[in-house]
Amino acid sequence: MPRRRYHRFLLLPPTLFFCVLPLFAQNASKRVFMITDMEGVDGIFDSDLQCLPYKSARWEESHKLLTEEINAAVDGLLAGGATEVVVWDGHDSSQTLSVLDIHPRARLLTGVPIEITNELTSSFSALVFIGQHAMAGARNGILSHSYSSLGIQNIWMNGQPVGEIGLSLMLAGHAGVPAAMLSGDTAACQEIHSYVPQAECAEVKQGVSRTSGYMLPHAAACELIRAKAQRSMARLTEVKPYVVSGPVEIKIEYTTRGEPALHPREGVERVNERTWSFRGKDIVDAWLKSRL
């Protein structure tokens, strides 16, 4: 009997067969990789006061603000059709998030070392940024920097200025994963749109300077993030991976305080007193050479 039913399915008229296909597509896995940070969170404007784990006077408040933005995003992603959300604790060496507070349907990726090129694989359907800041030097970007505000002055990819947003979505693009959404300030939204105009963006604050700006009420920010996250899943087919083809050169200008103990080797060259070049056959190869 099971065999006869199987053969009957194969003999379905073509029009009916293609009507059934979307039902299977709806059940397909949609895994989302979420990169989190703190400087782009609504209400955050001062690193010393708010962003140093367990040292800043307002650290507990900052932890709560970030966690609730993340949970709002997870709610929206799940409502939009995501089947799994992996949340990477990306602020200050994964010292920020706790399994006590994170969304019960999310999986927390935490600890050090974690290399994004190993974890953000082609098994994911989308990349999402929550609490993300703009690159170093961004106009009116609140707490803008590129990986280390004390150690790195500038980063270039094939001669173009780039920050954490650009490099992360390029690494994701190498794995075939599109950047679907970001929450952060106006400068961060402008930055992701310069690469992926179709990406959804929850603009939770607007910078007046690097250390000041207009903030949304927390509840309004969470509601905006939830709505944008849900919409990003609905529009996922419109967003394409950002793919960098061919050889890649990443140049990093370090500060005098942050210059690492590097040595020239294949693909790694000193450009001047504070700048090093990392060349690779693709974005991943160059990126890994820049990792100490």
C-alpha atoms as a PDB file:
ATOM      1  CA  MET A   1       0.000   0.000   0.000  1.00  0.00           C
ATOM      2  CA  PRO A   2       2.730   2.601   0.799  1.00  0.00           C
ATOM      3  CA  ARG A   3       4.352   1.810  -2.552  1.00  0.00           C
ATOM      4  CA  ARG A   4       1.108   2.423  -4.462  1.00  0.00           C
ATOM      5  CA  ARG A   5       0.605   5.812  -2.753  1.00  0.00           C
ATOM      6  CA  TYR A   6       4.171   6.767  -3.695  1.00  0.00           C
ATOM      7  CA  HIS A   7       3.584   5.988  -7.348  1.00  0.00           C
ATOM      8  CA  ARG A   8       0.347   7.965  -7.331  1.00  0.00           C
ATOM      9  CA  PHE A   9       2.272  11.022  -6.074  1.00  0.00           C
ATOM     10  CA  LEU A  10       4.713  10.720  -8.965  1.00  0.00           C
ATOM     11  CA  LEU A  11       1.775  10.651 -11.383  1.00  0.00           C
ATOM     12  CA  LEU A  12       0.322  13.936 -10.123  1.00  0.00           C
ATOM     13  CA  PRO A  13      -0.458  16.440 -12.894  1.00  0.00           C
ATOM     14  CA  PRO A  14       2.452  18.931 -13.302  1.00  0.00           C
ATOM     15  CA  THR A  15       0.333  21.903 -12.198  1.00  0.00           C
ATOM     16  CA  LEU A  16      -0.622  20.186  -8.950  1.00  0.00           C
ATOM     17  CA  PHE A  17       2.972  19.041  -8.377  1.00  0.00           C
ATOM     18  CA  PHE A  18       4.280  22.620  -8.492  1.00  0.00           C
ATOM     19  CA  CYS A  19       1.525  23.718  -6.110  1.00  0.00           C
ATOM     20  CA  VAL A  20       2.808  21.179  -3.585  1.00  0.00           C
ATOM     21  CA  LEU A  21       6.463  22.268  -3.833  1.00  0.00           C
ATOM     22  CA  PRO A  22       6.027  25.542  -1.836  1.00  0.00           C
ATOM     23  CA  LEU A  23       4.716  23.500   1.091  1.00  0.00           C
ATOM     24  CA  PHE A  24       8.069  21.730   1.283  1.00  0.00           C
ATOM     25  CA  ALA A  25       9.976  25.047   0.874  1.00  0.00           C
ATOM     26  CA  GLN A  26       8.103  26.535   3.838  1.00  0.00           C
ATOM     27  CA  ASN A  27       9.472  23.747   6.031  1.00  0.00           C
ATOM     28  CA  ALA A  28      13.071  24.215   4.867  1.00  0.00           C
ATOM     29  CA  SER A  29      15.660  25.083   7.499  1.00  0.00           C
ATOM     30  CA  LYS A  30      16.327  28.806   7.951  1.00  0.00           C
ATOM     31  CA  ARG A  31      19.218  29.206  10.357  1.00  0.00           C
ATOM     32  CA  VAL A  32      20.257  32.735  11.345  1.00  0.00           C
ATOM     33  CA  PHE A  33      23.677  33.749  12.672  1.00  0.00           C
ATOM     34  CA  MET A  34      23.455  36.831  14.886  1.00  0.00           C
ATOM     35  CA  ILE A  35      26.534  38.956  15.629  1.00  0.00           C
ATOM     36  CA  THR A  36      26.046  41.075  18.742  1.00  0.00           C
ATOM     37  CA  ASP A  37      27.953  44.060  20.085  1.00  0.00           C
ATOM     38  CA  MET A  38      27.177  46.735  22.639  1.00  0.00           C
ATOM     39  CA  GLU A  39      28.231  50.149  21.291  1.00  0.00           C
ATOM     40  CA  GLY A  40      25.323  50.166  18.817  1.00  0.00           C
ATOM     41  CA  VAL A  41      22.670  49.457  21.451  1.00  0.00           C
ATOM     42  CA  ASP A  42      20.005  52.088  22.129  1.00  0.00           C
ATOM     43  CA  GLY A  43      20.960  54.243  25.119  1.00  0.00           C
ATOM     44  CA  ILE A  44      24.697  53.496  24.900  1.00  0.00           C
ATOM     45  CA  PHE A  45      26.982  56.521  24.384  1.00  0.00           C
ATOM     46  CA  ASP A  46      29.955  56.233  26.790  1.00  0.00           C
ATOM     47  CA  SER A  47      32.404  53.307  26.835  1.00  0.00           C
ATOM     48  CA  ASP A  48      33.859  53.859  30.297  1.00  0.00           C
ATOM     49  CA  LEU A  49      30.482  54.519  31.881  1.00  0.00           C
ATOM     50  CA  GLN A  50      28.569  51.719  30.156  1.00  0.00           C
ATOM     51  CA  CYS A  51      30.544  49.162  28.144  1.00  0.00           C
ATOM     52  CA  LEU A  52      33.294  47.652  30.312  1.00  0.00           C
ATOM     53  CA  PRO A  53      32.089  44.266  31.605  1.00  0.00           C
ATOM     54  CA  TYR A  54      31.559  44.327  35.374  1.00  0.00           C
ATOM     55  CA  LYS A  55      33.613  47.543  35.700  1.00  0.00           C
ATOM     56  CA  SER A  56      31.427  50.283  34.240  1.00  0.00           C
ATOM     57  CA  ALA A  57      29.082  52.040  36.683  1.00  0.00           C
ATOM     58  CA  ARG A  58      26.096  51.353  34.388  1.00  0.00           C
ATOM     59  CA  TRP A  59      27.199  47.905  33.200  1.00  0.00           C
ATOM     60  CA  GLU A  60      24.158  46.013  34.528  1.00  0.00           C
ATOM     61  CA  GLU A  61      21.834  48.413  32.743  1.00  0.00           C
ATOM     62  CA  SER A  62      23.822  48.002  29.516  1.00  0.00           C
ATOM     63  CA  HIS A  63      23.677  44.220  29.794  1.00  0.00           C
ATOM     64  CA  LYS A  64      19.892  44.425  30.189  1.00  0.00           C
ATOM     65  CA  LEU A  65      19.481  46.816  27.241  1.00  0.00           C
ATOM     66  CA  LEU A  66      21.509  44.575  24.928  1.00  0.00           C
ATOM     67  CA  THR A  67      19.896  41.339  26.064  1.00  0.00           C
ATOM     68  CA  GLU A  68      16.383  42.681  25.541  1.00  0.00           C
ATOM     69  CA  GLU A  69      17.282  43.984  22.065  1.00  0.00           C
ATOM     70  CA  ILE A  70      18.657  40.532  21.195  1.00  0.00           C
ATOM     71  CA  ASN A  71      15.566  38.773  22.512  1.00  0.00           C
ATOM     72  CA  ALA A  72      13.311  41.139  20.556  1.00  0.00           C
ATOM     73  CA  ALA A  73      15.273  40.309  17.404  1.00  0.00           C
ATOM     74  CA  VAL A  74      14.995  36.568  18.073  1.00  0.00           C
ATOM     75  CA  ASP A  75      11.225  36.956  18.532  1.00  0.00           C
ATOM     76  CA  GLY A  76      10.979  38.719  15.179  1.00  0.00           C
ATOM     77  CA  LEU A  77      13.212  36.276  13.342  1.00  0.00           C
ATOM     78  CA  LEU A  78      11.233  33.288  14.607  1.00  0.00           C
ATOM     79  CA  ALA A  79       7.942  34.975  13.742  1.00  0.00           C
ATOM     80  CA  GLY A  80       9.315  35.590  10.258  1.00  0.00           C
ATOM     81  CA  GLY A  81      10.137  31.939   9.682  1.00  0.00           C
ATOM     82  CA  ALA A  82      13.610  31.341  11.141  1.00  0.00           C
ATOM     83  CA  THR A  83      13.999  27.780  12.403  1.00  0.00           C
ATOM     84  CA  GLU A  84      17.107  28.416  14.512  1.00  0.00           C
ATOM     85  CA  VAL A  85      18.963  31.491  15.779  1.00  0.00           C
ATOM     86  CA  VAL A  86      22.581  31.318  16.940  1.00  0.00           C
ATOM     87  CA  VAL A  87      23.563  34.364  19.017  1.00  0.00           C
ATOM     88  CA  TRP A  88      27.278  35.147  19.117  1.00  0.00           C
ATOM     89  CA  ASP A  89      28.363  37.126  22.164  1.00  0.00           C
ATOM     90  CA  GLY A  90      30.646  39.445  20.222  1.00  0.00           C
ATOM     91  CA  HIS A  91      31.329  42.232  22.721  1.00  0.00           C
ATOM     92  CA  ASP A  92      34.616  42.342  24.609  1.00  0.00           C
ATOM     93  CA  SER A  93      35.676  38.708  24.296  1.00  0.00           C
ATOM     94  CA  SER A  94      32.254  37.197  25.006  1.00  0.00           C
ATOM     95  CA  GLN A  95      31.915  38.626  28.517  1.00  0.00           C
ATOM     96  CA  THR A  96      28.475  40.115  27.993  1.00  0.00           C
ATOM     97  CA  LEU A  97      25.610  37.647  27.589  1.00  0.00           C
ATOM     98  CA  SER A  98      24.263  34.990  29.940  1.00  0.00           C
ATOM     99  CA  VAL A  99      22.245  31.827  29.377  1.00  0.00           C
ATOM    100  CA  LEU A 100      20.108  32.990  32.315  1.00  0.00           C
ATOM    101  CA  ASP A 101      18.659  35.819  30.242  1.00  0.00           C
ATOM    102  CA  ILE A 102      18.944  34.871  26.586  1.00  0.00           C
ATOM    103  CA  HIS A 103      15.848  33.942  24.568  1.00  0.00           C
ATOM    104  CA  PRO A 104      14.806  30.344  25.373  1.00  0.00           C
ATOM    105  CA  ARG A 105      14.706  29.419  21.680  1.00  0.00           C
ATOM    106  CA  ALA A 106      18.146  30.834  20.839  1.00  0.00           C
ATOM    107  CA  ARG A 107      21.521  29.132  21.114  1.00  0.00           C
ATOM    108  CA  LEU A 108      24.321  31.181  22.657  1.00  0.00           C
ATOM    109  CA  LEU A 109      27.813  31.018  21.151  1.00  0.00           C
ATOM    110  CA  THR A 110      30.278  32.307  23.733  1.00  0.00           C
ATOM    111  CA  GLY A 111      33.845  32.029  24.982  1.00  0.00           C
ATOM    112  CA  VAL A 112      37.279  32.579  23.414  1.00  0.00           C
ATOM    113  CA  PRO A 113      38.787  31.953  20.993  1.00  0.00           C
ATOM    114  CA  ILE A 114      35.991  31.870  18.396  1.00  0.00           C
ATOM    115  CA  GLU A 115      36.825  32.350  14.722  1.00  0.00           C
ATOM    116  CA  ILE A 116      33.872  33.569  12.669  1.00  0.00           C
ATOM    117  CA  THR A 117      35.101  31.793   9.540  1.00  0.00           C
ATOM    118  CA  ASN A 118      34.676  28.446  11.315  1.00  0.00           C
ATOM    119  CA  GLU A 119      31.232  29.095  12.779  1.00  0.00           C
ATOM    120  CA  LEU A 120      29.483  31.212  10.117  1.00  0.00           C
ATOM    121  CA  THR A 121      29.112  28.512   7.466  1.00  0.00           C
ATOM    122  CA  SER A 122      26.929  27.895   4.430  1.00  0.00           C
ATOM    123  CA  SER A 123      24.442  26.086   6.685  1.00  0.00           C
ATOM    124  CA  PHE A 124      23.057  29.514   7.645  1.00  0.00           C
ATOM    125  CA  SER A 125      20.433  31.384   5.631  1.00  0.00           C
ATOM    126  CA  ALA A 126      21.117  34.877   6.984  1.00  0.00           C
ATOM    127  CA  LEU A 127      23.489  37.082   8.973  1.00  0.00           C
ATOM    128  CA  VAL A 128      22.032  39.628  11.411  1.00  0.00           C
ATOM    129  CA  PHE A 129      23.808  42.355  13.440  1.00  0.00           C
ATOM    130  CA  ILE A 130      22.355  43.537  16.778  1.00  0.00           C
ATOM    131  CA  GLY A 131      23.880  46.453  18.716  1.00  0.00           C
ATOM    132  CA  GLN A 132      26.388  47.106  15.949  1.00  0.00           C
ATOM    133  CA  HIS A 133      28.492  50.283  15.746  1.00  0.00           C
ATOM    134  CA  ALA A 134      29.937  52.005  12.675  1.00  0.00           C
ATOM    135  CA  MET A 135      33.563  51.842  11.539  1.00  0.00           C
ATOM    136  CA  ALA A 136      36.368  54.025  12.886  1.00  0.00           C
ATOM    137  CA  GLY A 137      36.063  57.584  11.623  1.00  0.00           C
ATOM    138  CA  ALA A 138      32.376  57.365  10.673  1.00  0.00           C
ATOM    139  CA  ARG A 139      30.760  60.811  10.847  1.00  0.00           C
ATOM    140  CA  ASN A 140      28.664  61.101  14.023  1.00  0.00           C
ATOM    141  CA  GLY A 141      28.971  57.363  14.591  1.00  0.00           C
ATOM    142  CA  ILE A 142      28.324  56.798  18.287  1.00  0.00           C
ATOM    143  CA  LEU A 143      31.361  55.009  19.790  1.00  0.00           C
ATOM    144  CA  SER A 144      32.508  54.172  16.257  1.00  0.00           C
ATOM    145  CA  HIS A 145      35.640  52.028  15.969  1.00  0.00           C
ATOM    146  CA  SER A 146      37.001  49.017  14.100  1.00  0.00           C
ATOM    147  CA  TYR A 147      37.508  46.039  16.414  1.00  0.00           C
ATOM    148  CA  SER A 148      39.638  47.972  18.928  1.00  0.00           C
ATOM    149  CA  SER A 149      39.228  51.659  19.677  1.00  0.00           C
ATOM    150  CA  LEU A 150      42.620  51.643  21.433  1.00  0.00           C
ATOM    151  CA  GLY A 151      44.572  49.374  19.113  1.00  0.00           C
ATOM    152  CA  ILE A 152      43.415  50.002  15.528  1.00  0.00           C
ATOM    153  CA  GLN A 153      43.320  53.327  13.693  1.00  0.00           C
ATOM    154  CA  ASN A 154      42.083  52.238  10.245  1.00  0.00           C
ATOM    155  CA  ILE A 155      41.388  49.157   8.114  1.00  0.00           C
ATOM    156  CA  TRP A 156      41.257  48.942   4.316  1.00  0.00           C
ATOM    157  CA  MET A 157      40.097  46.097   2.071  1.00  0.00           C
ATOM    158  CA  ASN A 158      41.528  46.384  -1.446  1.00  0.00           C
ATOM    159  CA  GLY A 159      42.145  50.072  -0.769  1.00  0.00           C
ATOM    160  CA  GLN A 160      38.668  50.894   0.540  1.00  0.00           C
ATOM    161  CA  PRO A 161      37.986  51.829   4.196  1.00  0.00           C
ATOM    162  CA  VAL A 162      36.149  49.026   5.983  1.00  0.00           C
ATOM    163  CA  GLY A 163      35.047  48.150   9.502  1.00  0.00           C
ATOM    164  CA  GLU A 164      33.439  45.305  11.384  1.00  0.00           C
ATOM    165  CA  ILE A 165      30.195  45.488   9.417  1.00  0.00           C
ATOM    166  CA  GLY A 166      31.879  45.293   6.018  1.00  0.00           C
ATOM    167  CA  LEU A 167      34.392  42.593   6.879  1.00  0.00           C
ATOM    168  CA  SER A 168      31.778  40.432   8.616  1.00  0.00           C
ATOM    169  CA  LEU A 169      29.332  40.541   5.734  1.00  0.00           C
ATOM    170  CA  MET A 170      32.175  39.854   3.260  1.00  0.00           C
ATOM    171  CA  LEU A 171      33.217  36.777   5.245  1.00  0.00           C
ATOM    172  CA  ALA A 172      29.571  35.718   5.349  1.00  0.00           C
ATOM    173  CA  GLY A 173      29.291  36.326   1.616  1.00  0.00           C
ATOM    174  CA  HIS A 174      32.237  33.994   1.005  1.00  0.00           C
ATOM    175  CA  ALA A 175      30.112  31.271   2.634  1.00  0.00           C
ATOM    176  CA  GLY A 176      27.085  32.274   0.551  1.00  0.00           C
ATOM    177  CA  VAL A 177      25.250  33.896   3.478  1.00  0.00           C
ATOM    178  CA  PRO A 178      23.510  37.278   2.969  1.00  0.00           C
ATOM    179  CA  ALA A 179      23.452  40.070   5.572  1.00  0.00           C
ATOM    180  CA  ALA A 180      19.735  40.579   6.143  1.00  0.00           C
ATOM    181  CA  MET A 181      19.459  43.049   9.010  1.00  0.00           C
ATOM    182  CA  LEU A 182      21.244  45.391  11.411  1.00  0.00           C
ATOM    183  CA  SER A 183      20.268  47.354  14.508  1.00  0.00           C
ATOM    184  CA  GLY A 184      22.393  50.322  15.537  1.00  0.00           C
ATOM    185  CA  ASP A 185      22.750  54.048  14.975  1.00  0.00           C
ATOM    186  CA  THR A 186      22.263  56.061  11.790  1.00  0.00           C
ATOM    187  CA  ALA A 187      25.933  55.716  10.780  1.00  0.00           C
ATOM    188  CA  ALA A 188      25.849  51.933  11.143  1.00  0.00           C
ATOM    189  CA  CYS A 189      22.674  51.730   9.052  1.00  0.00           C
ATOM    190  CA  GLN A 190      24.279  53.856   6.343  1.00  0.00           C
ATOM    191  CA  GLU A 191      27.331  51.604   6.433  1.00  0.00           C
ATOM    192  CA  ILE A 192      25.467  48.338   5.869  1.00  0.00           C
ATOM    193  CA  HIS A 193      23.325  49.945   3.166  1.00  0.00           C
ATOM    194  CA  SER A 194      26.482  50.958   1.300  1.00  0.00           C
ATOM    195  CA  TYR A 195      27.107  47.233   0.815  1.00  0.00           C
ATOM    196  CA  VAL A 196      23.593  45.747   0.932  1.00  0.00           C
ATOM    197  CA  PRO A 197      20.898  48.341   0.114  1.00  0.00           C
ATOM    198  CA  GLN A 198      18.131  45.761   0.632  1.00  0.00           C
ATOM    199  CA  ALA A 199      19.103  44.951   4.232  1.00  0.00           C
ATOM    200  CA  GLU A 200      16.587  45.869   6.917  1.00  0.00           C
ATOM    201  CA  CYS A 201      17.855  48.360   9.491  1.00  0.00           C
ATOM    202  CA  ALA A 202      16.496  49.240  12.924  1.00  0.00           C
ATOM    203  CA  GLU A 203      17.837  52.744  13.550  1.00  0.00           C
ATOM    204  CA  VAL A 204      17.610  52.968  17.337  1.00  0.00           C
ATOM    205  CA  LYS A 205      19.699  56.135  17.792  1.00  0.00           C
ATOM    206  CA  GLN A 206      21.149  59.046  15.857  1.00  0.00           C
ATOM    207  CA  GLY A 207      24.580  60.414  16.650  1.00  0.00           C
ATOM    208  CA  VAL A 208      25.272  64.072  17.335  1.00  0.00           C
ATOM    209  CA  SER A 209      28.943  63.313  17.964  1.00  0.00           C
ATOM    210  CA  ARG A 210      30.952  60.198  18.756  1.00  0.00           C
ATOM    211  CA  THR A 211      29.781  60.314  22.370  1.00  0.00           C
ATOM    212  CA  SER A 212      26.260  61.759  22.164  1.00  0.00           C
ATOM    213  CA  GLY A 213      23.027  61.360  20.259  1.00  0.00           C
ATOM    214  CA  TYR A 214      19.251  61.046  20.182  1.00  0.00           C
ATOM    215  CA  MET A 215      17.951  57.776  21.635  1.00  0.00           C
ATOM    216  CA  LEU A 216      14.637  55.974  21.242  1.00  0.00           C
ATOM    217  CA  PRO A 217      12.788  54.867  24.385  1.00  0.00           C
ATOM    218  CA  HIS A 218      13.939  51.314  25.101  1.00  0.00           C
ATOM    219  CA  ALA A 219      10.510  49.761  24.529  1.00  0.00           C
ATOM    220  CA  ALA A 220      10.196  51.526  21.173  1.00  0.00           C
ATOM    221  CA  ALA A 221      13.671  50.353  20.130  1.00  0.00           C
ATOM    222  CA  CYS A 222      12.815  46.730  20.964  1.00  0.00           C
ATOM    223  CA  GLU A 223       9.537  46.938  19.057  1.00  0.00           C
ATOM    224  CA  LEU A 224      11.343  48.389  16.015  1.00  0.00           C
ATOM    225  CA  ILE A 225      13.977  45.653  16.151  1.00  0.00           C
ATOM    226  CA  ARG A 226      11.309  42.960  16.434  1.00  0.00           C
ATOM    227  CA  ALA A 227       9.438  44.320  13.400  1.00  0.00           C
ATOM    228  CA  LYS A 228      12.567  44.753  11.271  1.00  0.00           C
ATOM    229  CA  ALA A 229      13.795  41.256  12.158  1.00  0.00           C
ATOM    230  CA  GLN A 230      10.495  39.699  11.113  1.00  0.00           C
ATOM    231  CA  ARG A 231      10.467  41.700   7.894  1.00  0.00           C
ATOM    232  CA  SER A 232      14.051  40.686   7.116  1.00  0.00           C
ATOM    233  CA  MET A 233      13.016  37.042   7.021  1.00  0.00           C
ATOM    234  CA  ALA A 234      10.042  37.795   4.801  1.00  0.00           C
ATOM    235  CA  ARG A 235      12.340  39.622   2.342  1.00  0.00           C
ATOM    236  CA  LEU A 236      15.246  37.195   2.551  1.00  0.00           C
ATOM    237  CA  THR A 237      15.033  36.169  -1.108  1.00  0.00           C
ATOM    238  CA  GLU A 238      15.622  39.812  -2.102  1.00  0.00           C
ATOM    239  CA  VAL A 239      18.994  39.998  -0.326  1.00  0.00           C
ATOM    240  CA  LYS A 240      22.061  38.498  -1.981  1.00  0.00           C
ATOM    241  CA  PRO A 241      25.390  37.579  -0.358  1.00  0.00           C
ATOM    242  CA  TYR A 242      28.066  40.247  -0.699  1.00  0.00           C
ATOM    243  CA  VAL A 243      30.817  38.376  -2.525  1.00  0.00           C
ATOM    244  CA  VAL A 244      34.365  39.678  -2.971  1.00  0.00           C
ATOM    245  CA  SER A 245      36.082  37.857  -5.815  1.00  0.00           C
ATOM    246  CA  GLY A 246      39.759  37.468  -6.583  1.00  0.00           C
ATOM    247  CA  PRO A 247      42.826  38.217  -4.463  1.00  0.00           C
ATOM    248  CA  VAL A 248      42.303  40.399  -1.402  1.00  0.00           C
ATOM    249  CA  GLU A 249      44.578  42.752   0.515  1.00  0.00           C
ATOM    250  CA  ILE A 250      43.627  43.832   4.019  1.00  0.00           C
ATOM    251  CA  LYS A 251      45.693  46.694   5.424  1.00  0.00           C
ATOM    252  CA  ILE A 252      45.552  47.580   9.107  1.00  0.00           C
ATOM    253  CA  GLU A 253      46.932  50.773  10.608  1.00  0.00           C
ATOM    254  CA  TYR A 254      47.530  50.177  14.303  1.00  0.00           C
ATOM    255  CA  THR A 255      47.872  52.801  17.011  1.00  0.00           C
ATOM    256  CA  THR A 256      51.217  53.209  18.750  1.00  0.00           C
ATOM    257  CA  ARG A 257      49.597  51.581  21.776  1.00  0.00           C
ATOM    258  CA  GLY A 258      48.071  48.693  19.853  1.00  0.00           C
ATOM    259  CA  GLU A 259      50.726  47.608  17.358  1.00  0.00           C
ATOM    260  CA  PRO A 260      51.170  43.834  17.694  1.00  0.00           C
ATOM    261  CA  ALA A 261      54.394  41.854  17.534  1.00  0.00           C
ATOM    262  CA  LEU A 262      54.156  40.813  13.877  1.00  0.00           C
ATOM    263  CA  HIS A 263      56.831  39.350  11.620  1.00  0.00           C
ATOM    264  CA  PRO A 264      56.901  39.441   7.810  1.00  0.00           C
ATOM    265  CA  ARG A 265      56.001  36.137   6.159  1.00  0.00           C
ATOM    266  CA  GLU A 266      54.264  34.979   2.999  1.00  0.00           C
ATOM    267  CA  GLY A 267      51.402  37.412   2.370  1.00  0.00           C
ATOM    268  CA  VAL A 268      52.271  39.540   5.414  1.00  0.00           C
ATOM    269  CA  GLU A 269      54.291  42.726   4.885  1.00  0.00           C
ATOM    270  CA  ARG A 270      55.069  45.853   6.862  1.00  0.00           C
ATOM    271  CA  VAL A 271      53.992  48.981   4.947  1.00  0.00           C
ATOM    272  CA  ASN A 272      55.207  51.648   7.378  1.00  0.00           C
ATOM    273  CA  GLU A 273      55.803  52.158  11.077  1.00  0.00           C
ATOM    274  CA  ARG A 274      52.211  51.332  12.101  1.00  0.00           C
ATOM    275  CA  THR A 275      50.622  49.707   9.032  1.00  0.00           C
ATOM    276  CA  TRP A 276      50.721  46.075   7.918  1.00  0.00           C
ATOM    277  CA  SER A 277      49.433  44.413   4.732  1.00  0.00           C
ATOM    278  CA  PHE A 278      47.828  40.957   4.662  1.00  0.00           C
ATOM    279  CA  ARG A 279      47.340  39.422   1.205  1.00  0.00           C
ATOM    280  CA  GLY A 280      45.397  36.287   0.382  1.00  0.00           C
ATOM    281  CA  LYS A 281      43.808  34.438  -2.500  1.00  0.00           C
ATOM    282  CA  ASP A 282      40.394  35.431  -1.143  1.00  0.00           C
ATOM    283  CA  ILE A 283      38.794  37.354   1.746  1.00  0.00           C
ATOM    284  CA  VAL A 284      39.057  34.433   4.179  1.00  0.00           C
ATOM    285  CA  ASP A 285      42.731  33.798   3.418  1.00  0.00           C
ATOM    286  CA  ALA A 286      43.624  37.465   3.902  1.00  0.00           C
ATOM    287  CA  TRP A 287      41.502  37.732   7.042  1.00  0.00           C
ATOM    288  CA  LEU A 288      43.098  34.715   8.693  1.00  0.00           C
ATOM    289  CA  LYS A 289      46.575  36.119   8.012  1.00  0.00           C
ATOM    290  CA  SER A 290      45.555  39.294   9.847  1.00  0.00           C
ATOM    291  CA  ARG A 291      44.481  37.309  12.900  1.00  0.00           C
ATOM    292  CA  LEU A 292      47.231  37.029  15.459  1.00  0.00           C
END
